[in-house]
C-alpha atoms as a PDB file:
ATOM      1  CA  MET A   1      21.569  -0.704  -5.770  1.00  0.00           C
ATOM      2  CA  GLU A   2      18.707  -1.912  -7.952  1.00  0.00           C
ATOM      3  CA  ALA A   3      15.256  -2.630  -6.529  1.00  0.00           C
ATOM      4  CA  ASP A   4      14.079  -6.192  -5.894  1.00  0.00           C
ATOM      5  CA  ALA A   5      10.434  -5.449  -6.648  1.00  0.00           C
ATOM      6  CA  ALA A   6       8.168  -3.006  -8.479  1.00  0.00           C
ATOM      7  CA  VAL A   7       4.647  -1.622  -8.139  1.00  0.00           C
ATOM      8  CA  ALA A   8       2.231  -0.002 -10.568  1.00  0.00           C
ATOM      9  CA  VAL A   9       0.715   3.274  -9.403  1.00  0.00           C
ATOM     10  CA  VAL A  10      -2.257   3.516 -11.783  1.00  0.00           C
ATOM     11  CA  HIS A  11      -3.568   7.092 -11.888  1.00  0.00           C
ATOM     12  CA  ALA A  12      -6.993   7.524 -13.461  1.00  0.00           C
ATOM     13  CA  LEU A  13      -7.735  10.960 -14.860  1.00  0.00           C
ATOM     14  CA  GLY A  14     -11.250  12.197 -15.451  1.00  0.00           C
ATOM     15  CA  PRO A  15     -13.886  13.927 -13.358  1.00  0.00           C
ATOM     16  CA  GLU A  16     -12.682  12.221 -10.182  1.00  0.00           C
ATOM     17  CA  GLU A  17      -8.931  11.619 -10.221  1.00  0.00           C
ATOM     18  CA  SER A  18      -8.268   8.271  -8.562  1.00  0.00           C
ATOM     19  CA  VAL A  19      -5.534   5.752  -7.908  1.00  0.00           C
ATOM     20  CA  LEU A  20      -5.915   1.964  -8.037  1.00  0.00           C
ATOM     21  CA  LEU A  21      -5.356   0.036  -4.813  1.00  0.00           C
ATOM     22  CA  LEU A  22      -5.788  -3.613  -4.011  1.00  0.00           C
ATOM     23  CA  ARG A  23      -6.376  -5.374  -0.730  1.00  0.00           C
ATOM     24  CA  ARG A  24      -3.940  -8.226  -0.391  1.00  0.00           C
ATOM     25  CA  SER A  25      -5.477 -11.646   0.183  1.00  0.00           C
ATOM     26  CA  ARG A  26      -5.313 -13.071   3.670  1.00  0.00           C
ATOM     27  CA  ARG A  27      -2.714 -15.828   3.479  1.00  0.00           C
ATOM     28  CA  PRO A  28      -0.748 -17.479   6.291  1.00  0.00           C
ATOM     29  CA  GLY A  29       2.813 -16.196   6.502  1.00  0.00           C
ATOM     30  CA  ASP A  30       2.122 -13.011   4.511  1.00  0.00           C
ATOM     31  CA  PRO A  31       2.909 -10.060   6.806  1.00  0.00           C
ATOM     32  CA  TRP A  32       0.901  -7.722   4.544  1.00  0.00           C
ATOM     33  CA  ALA A  33      -2.198  -9.956   4.337  1.00  0.00           C
ATOM     34  CA  GLY A  34      -5.385  -7.892   4.220  1.00  0.00           C
ATOM     35  CA  HIS A  35      -3.500  -4.599   3.798  1.00  0.00           C
ATOM     36  CA  TRP A  36      -3.978  -2.018   1.022  1.00  0.00           C
ATOM     37  CA  ALA A  37      -1.212  -1.818  -1.564  1.00  0.00           C
ATOM     38  CA  PHE A  38      -0.379  -0.987  -5.135  1.00  0.00           C
ATOM     39  CA  PRO A  39      -0.359  -3.957  -7.505  1.00  0.00           C
ATOM     40  CA  GLY A  40       3.178  -5.270  -7.643  1.00  0.00           C
ATOM     41  CA  GLY A  41       5.711  -7.805  -6.501  1.00  0.00           C
ATOM     42  CA  ARG A  42       9.182  -9.226  -6.844  1.00  0.00           C
ATOM     43  CA  ARG A  43      11.124  -9.258 -10.087  1.00  0.00           C
ATOM     44  CA  GLU A  44      11.180 -12.638 -11.828  1.00  0.00           C
ATOM     45  CA  PRO A  45      13.937 -13.973 -14.114  1.00  0.00           C
ATOM     46  CA  GLY A  46      11.742 -13.562 -17.220  1.00  0.00           C
ATOM     47  CA  ASP A  47      11.143  -9.838 -16.576  1.00  0.00           C
ATOM     48  CA  SER A  48      13.287  -7.677 -18.853  1.00  0.00           C
ATOM     49  CA  GLY A  49      13.238  -4.885 -16.276  1.00  0.00           C
ATOM     50  CA  LEU A  50      11.338  -3.473 -13.344  1.00  0.00           C
ATOM     51  CA  VAL A  51       8.724  -1.742 -15.525  1.00  0.00           C
ATOM     52  CA  ASP A  52       7.909  -5.190 -16.918  1.00  0.00           C
ATOM     53  CA  THR A  53       7.690  -6.525 -13.347  1.00  0.00           C
ATOM     54  CA  ALA A  54       5.127  -3.840 -12.462  1.00  0.00           C
ATOM     55  CA  LEU A  55       3.101  -4.487 -15.637  1.00  0.00           C
ATOM     56  CA  ARG A  56       3.210  -8.284 -15.181  1.00  0.00           C
ATOM     57  CA  GLU A  57       2.096  -8.062 -11.541  1.00  0.00           C
ATOM     58  CA  LEU A  58      -0.702  -5.618 -12.458  1.00  0.00           C
ATOM     59  CA  GLY A  59      -1.983  -8.136 -14.986  1.00  0.00           C
ATOM     60  CA  GLU A  60      -1.651 -11.122 -12.662  1.00  0.00           C
ATOM     61  CA  GLU A  61      -3.183  -9.530  -9.566  1.00  0.00           C
ATOM     62  CA  CYS A  62      -5.871  -7.330 -11.110  1.00  0.00           C
ATOM     63  CA  GLY A  63      -6.446  -8.538 -14.661  1.00  0.00           C
ATOM     64  CA  VAL A  64      -5.357  -5.103 -15.913  1.00  0.00           C
ATOM     65  CA  ARG A  65      -3.238  -4.946 -19.064  1.00  0.00           C
ATOM     66  CA  LEU A  66      -1.394  -1.691 -19.616  1.00  0.00           C
ATOM     67  CA  SER A  67       1.548  -0.958 -21.880  1.00  0.00           C
ATOM     68  CA  ARG A  68       4.809   0.916 -21.510  1.00  0.00           C
ATOM     69  CA  ILE A  69       3.200   3.727 -23.541  1.00  0.00           C
ATOM     70  CA  GLN A  70       1.026   4.523 -20.499  1.00  0.00           C
ATOM     71  CA  LEU A  71       4.077   4.934 -18.256  1.00  0.00           C
ATOM     72  CA  GLU A  72       4.208   8.536 -17.096  1.00  0.00           C
ATOM     73  CA  CYS A  73       7.391   8.286 -15.028  1.00  0.00           C
ATOM     74  CA  PRO A  74       9.227   6.300 -12.397  1.00  0.00           C
ATOM     75  CA  LEU A  75       8.773   7.483  -8.812  1.00  0.00           C
ATOM     76  CA  PRO A  76      11.585   7.402  -6.235  1.00  0.00           C
ATOM     77  CA  VAL A  77      12.668   3.932  -5.150  1.00  0.00           C
ATOM     78  CA  ARG A  78      11.804   3.269  -1.509  1.00  0.00           C
ATOM     79  CA  HIS A  79      12.112   0.591   1.106  1.00  0.00           C
ATOM     80  CA  ALA A  80       9.016  -1.369   2.085  1.00  0.00           C
ATOM     81  CA  GLY A  81       8.558  -3.655   5.053  1.00  0.00           C
ATOM     82  CA  GLN A  82      10.424  -1.659   7.682  1.00  0.00           C
ATOM     83  CA  GLN A  83       7.713  -2.245  10.285  1.00  0.00           C
ATOM     84  CA  GLN A  84       7.357  -5.914   9.334  1.00  0.00           C
ATOM     85  CA  GLY A  85      11.059  -6.709   9.562  1.00  0.00           C
ATOM     86  CA  ARG A  86      11.226  -7.715   5.873  1.00  0.00           C
ATOM     87  CA  LEU A  87      13.016  -4.876   4.128  1.00  0.00           C
ATOM     88  CA  VAL A  88      12.524  -4.846   0.339  1.00  0.00           C
ATOM     89  CA  LEU A  89      13.691  -2.150  -2.091  1.00  0.00           C
ATOM     90  CA  VAL A  90      10.730  -1.301  -4.363  1.00  0.00           C
ATOM     91  CA  ALA A  91      10.538   0.739  -7.577  1.00  0.00           C
ATOM     92  CA  PRO A  92       7.151   2.458  -8.082  1.00  0.00           C
ATOM     93  CA  PHE A  93       6.086   3.358 -11.631  1.00  0.00           C
ATOM     94  CA  LEU A  94       3.336   5.881 -12.357  1.00  0.00           C
ATOM     95  CA  PHE A  95       0.955   4.912 -15.166  1.00  0.00           C
ATOM     96  CA  ARG A  96      -1.806   7.213 -16.445  1.00  0.00           C
ATOM     97  CA  VAL A  97      -5.172   6.020 -17.747  1.00  0.00           C
ATOM     98  CA  ALA A  98      -8.110   8.054 -19.072  1.00  0.00           C
ATOM     99  CA  GLY A  99     -10.516   7.044 -16.297  1.00  0.00           C
ATOM    100  CA  THR A 100     -11.464   4.300 -13.877  1.00  0.00           C
ATOM    101  CA  PHE A 101     -12.555   0.887 -15.117  1.00  0.00           C
ATOM    102  CA  ASP A 102     -13.593  -2.462 -13.686  1.00  0.00           C
ATOM    103  CA  VAL A 103     -10.838  -4.443 -12.012  1.00  0.00           C
ATOM    104  CA  THR A 104     -10.976  -8.191 -11.349  1.00  0.00           C
ATOM    105  CA  PRO A 105      -8.726  -9.226  -8.447  1.00  0.00           C
ATOM    106  CA  ASP A 106      -7.197 -12.670  -8.896  1.00  0.00           C
ATOM    107  CA  GLY A 107      -8.415 -13.940  -5.490  1.00  0.00           C
ATOM    108  CA  VAL A 108      -5.003 -15.446  -4.743  1.00  0.00           C
ATOM    109  CA  GLU A 109      -2.849 -12.374  -4.168  1.00  0.00           C
ATOM    110  CA  ALA A 110      -5.593  -9.729  -4.235  1.00  0.00           C
ATOM    111  CA  GLU A 111      -9.001 -10.163  -2.628  1.00  0.00           C
ATOM    112  CA  SER A 112     -10.456  -6.807  -3.651  1.00  0.00           C
ATOM    113  CA  ALA A 113      -9.604  -3.586  -5.424  1.00  0.00           C
ATOM    114  CA  LEU A 114     -10.821  -0.017  -5.364  1.00  0.00           C
ATOM    115  CA  TRP A 115     -10.208   3.325  -6.975  1.00  0.00           C
ATOM    116  CA  LEU A 116      -9.294   5.785  -4.208  1.00  0.00           C
ATOM    117  CA  PRO A 117     -10.357   9.322  -5.144  1.00  0.00           C
ATOM    118  CA  LEU A 118      -7.309  11.553  -4.736  1.00  0.00           C
ATOM    119  CA  ALA A 119      -9.496  14.271  -3.191  1.00  0.00           C
ATOM    120  CA  GLN A 120     -10.070  11.900  -0.253  1.00  0.00           C
ATOM    121  CA  PHE A 121      -6.348  11.309   0.137  1.00  0.00           C
ATOM    122  CA  ARG A 122      -5.577  15.027  -0.045  1.00  0.00           C
ATOM    123  CA  ASP A 123      -8.127  15.760   2.729  1.00  0.00           C
ATOM    124  CA  SER A 124      -5.890  16.354   5.769  1.00  0.00           C
ATOM    125  CA  ALA A 125      -8.786  15.580   8.143  1.00  0.00           C
ATOM    126  CA  ARG A 126      -8.635  11.927   7.027  1.00  0.00           C
ATOM    127  CA  HIS A 127      -4.981  11.450   8.015  1.00  0.00           C
ATOM    128  CA  ARG A 128      -4.411  10.013  11.474  1.00  0.00           C
ATOM    129  CA  ALA A 129      -2.532   7.371  13.428  1.00  0.00           C
ATOM    130  CA  ASP A 130      -4.248   3.982  13.601  1.00  0.00           C
ATOM    131  CA  ALA A 131      -3.358   0.566  14.927  1.00  0.00           C
ATOM    132  CA  VAL A 132      -2.300  -1.652  12.047  1.00  0.00           C
ATOM    133  CA  PRO A 133      -3.382  -5.301  11.977  1.00  0.00           C
ATOM    134  CA  GLY A 134      -0.383  -7.593  12.267  1.00  0.00           C
ATOM    135  CA  LEU A 135       2.006  -5.084  13.840  1.00  0.00           C
ATOM    136  CA  ALA A 136       3.423  -6.098  17.192  1.00  0.00           C
ATOM    137  CA  ASP A 137       2.241  -4.302  20.347  1.00  0.00           C
ATOM    138  CA  GLY A 138      -0.635  -2.482  18.577  1.00  0.00           C
ATOM    139  CA  ARG A 139       1.599   0.351  17.430  1.00  0.00           C
ATOM    140  CA  LYS A 140      -0.155   3.185  15.640  1.00  0.00           C
ATOM    141  CA  MET A 141       1.128   4.325  12.269  1.00  0.00           C
ATOM    142  CA  PRO A 142       0.200   7.353  10.122  1.00  0.00           C
ATOM    143  CA  GLY A 143      -2.298   6.646   7.378  1.00  0.00           C
ATOM    144  CA  ILE A 144      -5.921   7.033   6.382  1.00  0.00           C
ATOM    145  CA  PRO A 145      -8.814   4.706   7.204  1.00  0.00           C
ATOM    146  CA  LEU A 146     -10.000   2.834   4.150  1.00  0.00           C
ATOM    147  CA  ASP A 147     -12.806   0.297   4.186  1.00  0.00           C
ATOM    148  CA  GLY A 148     -11.994  -0.991   7.689  1.00  0.00           C
ATOM    149  CA  THR A 149      -8.202  -1.204   7.278  1.00  0.00           C
ATOM    150  CA  PRO A 150      -5.765   1.704   7.349  1.00  0.00           C
ATOM    151  CA  LEU A 151      -3.848   2.624   4.215  1.00  0.00           C
ATOM    152  CA  TRP A 152      -0.380   3.009   5.683  1.00  0.00           C
ATOM    153  CA  GLY A 153       3.320   2.226   5.265  1.00  0.00           C
ATOM    154  CA  PHE A 154       5.006   2.094   1.872  1.00  0.00           C
ATOM    155  CA  THR A 155       1.818   2.775  -0.126  1.00  0.00           C
ATOM    156  CA  TYR A 156       0.896   5.715   2.103  1.00  0.00           C
ATOM    157  CA  ARG A 157       4.411   7.208   1.909  1.00  0.00           C
ATOM    158  CA  VAL A 158       4.556   6.878  -1.889  1.00  0.00           C
ATOM    159  CA  LEU A 159       1.184   8.634  -2.223  1.00  0.00           C
ATOM    160  CA  CYS A 160       2.214  11.400   0.203  1.00  0.00           C
ATOM    161  CA  GLU A 161       5.444  12.054  -1.692  1.00  0.00           C
ATOM    162  CA  TRP A 162       3.884  11.868  -5.164  1.00  0.00           C
ATOM    163  CA  LEU A 163       0.970  14.161  -4.261  1.00  0.00           C
ATOM    164  CA  GLY A 164       2.977  16.536  -2.078  1.00  0.00           C
ATOM    165  CA  VAL A 165       0.883  15.700   0.996  1.00  0.00           C
ATOM    166  CA  SER A 166       2.744  16.135   4.262  1.00  0.00           C
ATOM    167  CA  GLU A 167       2.341  13.438   6.848  1.00  0.00           C
ATOM    168  CA  PRO A 168       0.557  15.179   9.718  1.00  0.00           C
ATOM    169  CA  LEU A 169       2.751  16.148  12.642  1.00  0.00           C
ATOM    170  CA  GLY A 170       2.014  14.735  16.058  1.00  0.00           C
ATOM    171  CA  ILE A 171       0.405  11.502  14.975  1.00  0.00           C
END
């Protein structure tokens, strides 16, 4: 089964390896409003494939224009939205860039963006269970705290798998 959506995992090399994340804008009816995510979204009829979906969404949400030449590899397709009750099959694509650069969120889908240093993500002391805004009954999910909102769910799982970081046991 082919994915319905795609995300761009933008990996910046350089002195401080980082990955690009955006904070989704707070919009009524969006179950992921205010949460951290990779730039991405649903495939549109004009997209020639899911790599094009990821590149188009990266440009729309963050003003970042990359090319297929910067594609390092596809990452395993995963489900997103399990905790929100809106299951979507998503194809992540890993893109490599020489270093971090300024990102301009569009203000409609993305309210802010940041480059998360991978050393912070790899630090096991940062991983814990936190309540996630918008989840029923205040359930706690594994993730890392990031600028007042936990990085959790699909984005967290993709990063754990890609970087070989085990989700901590007992959280």
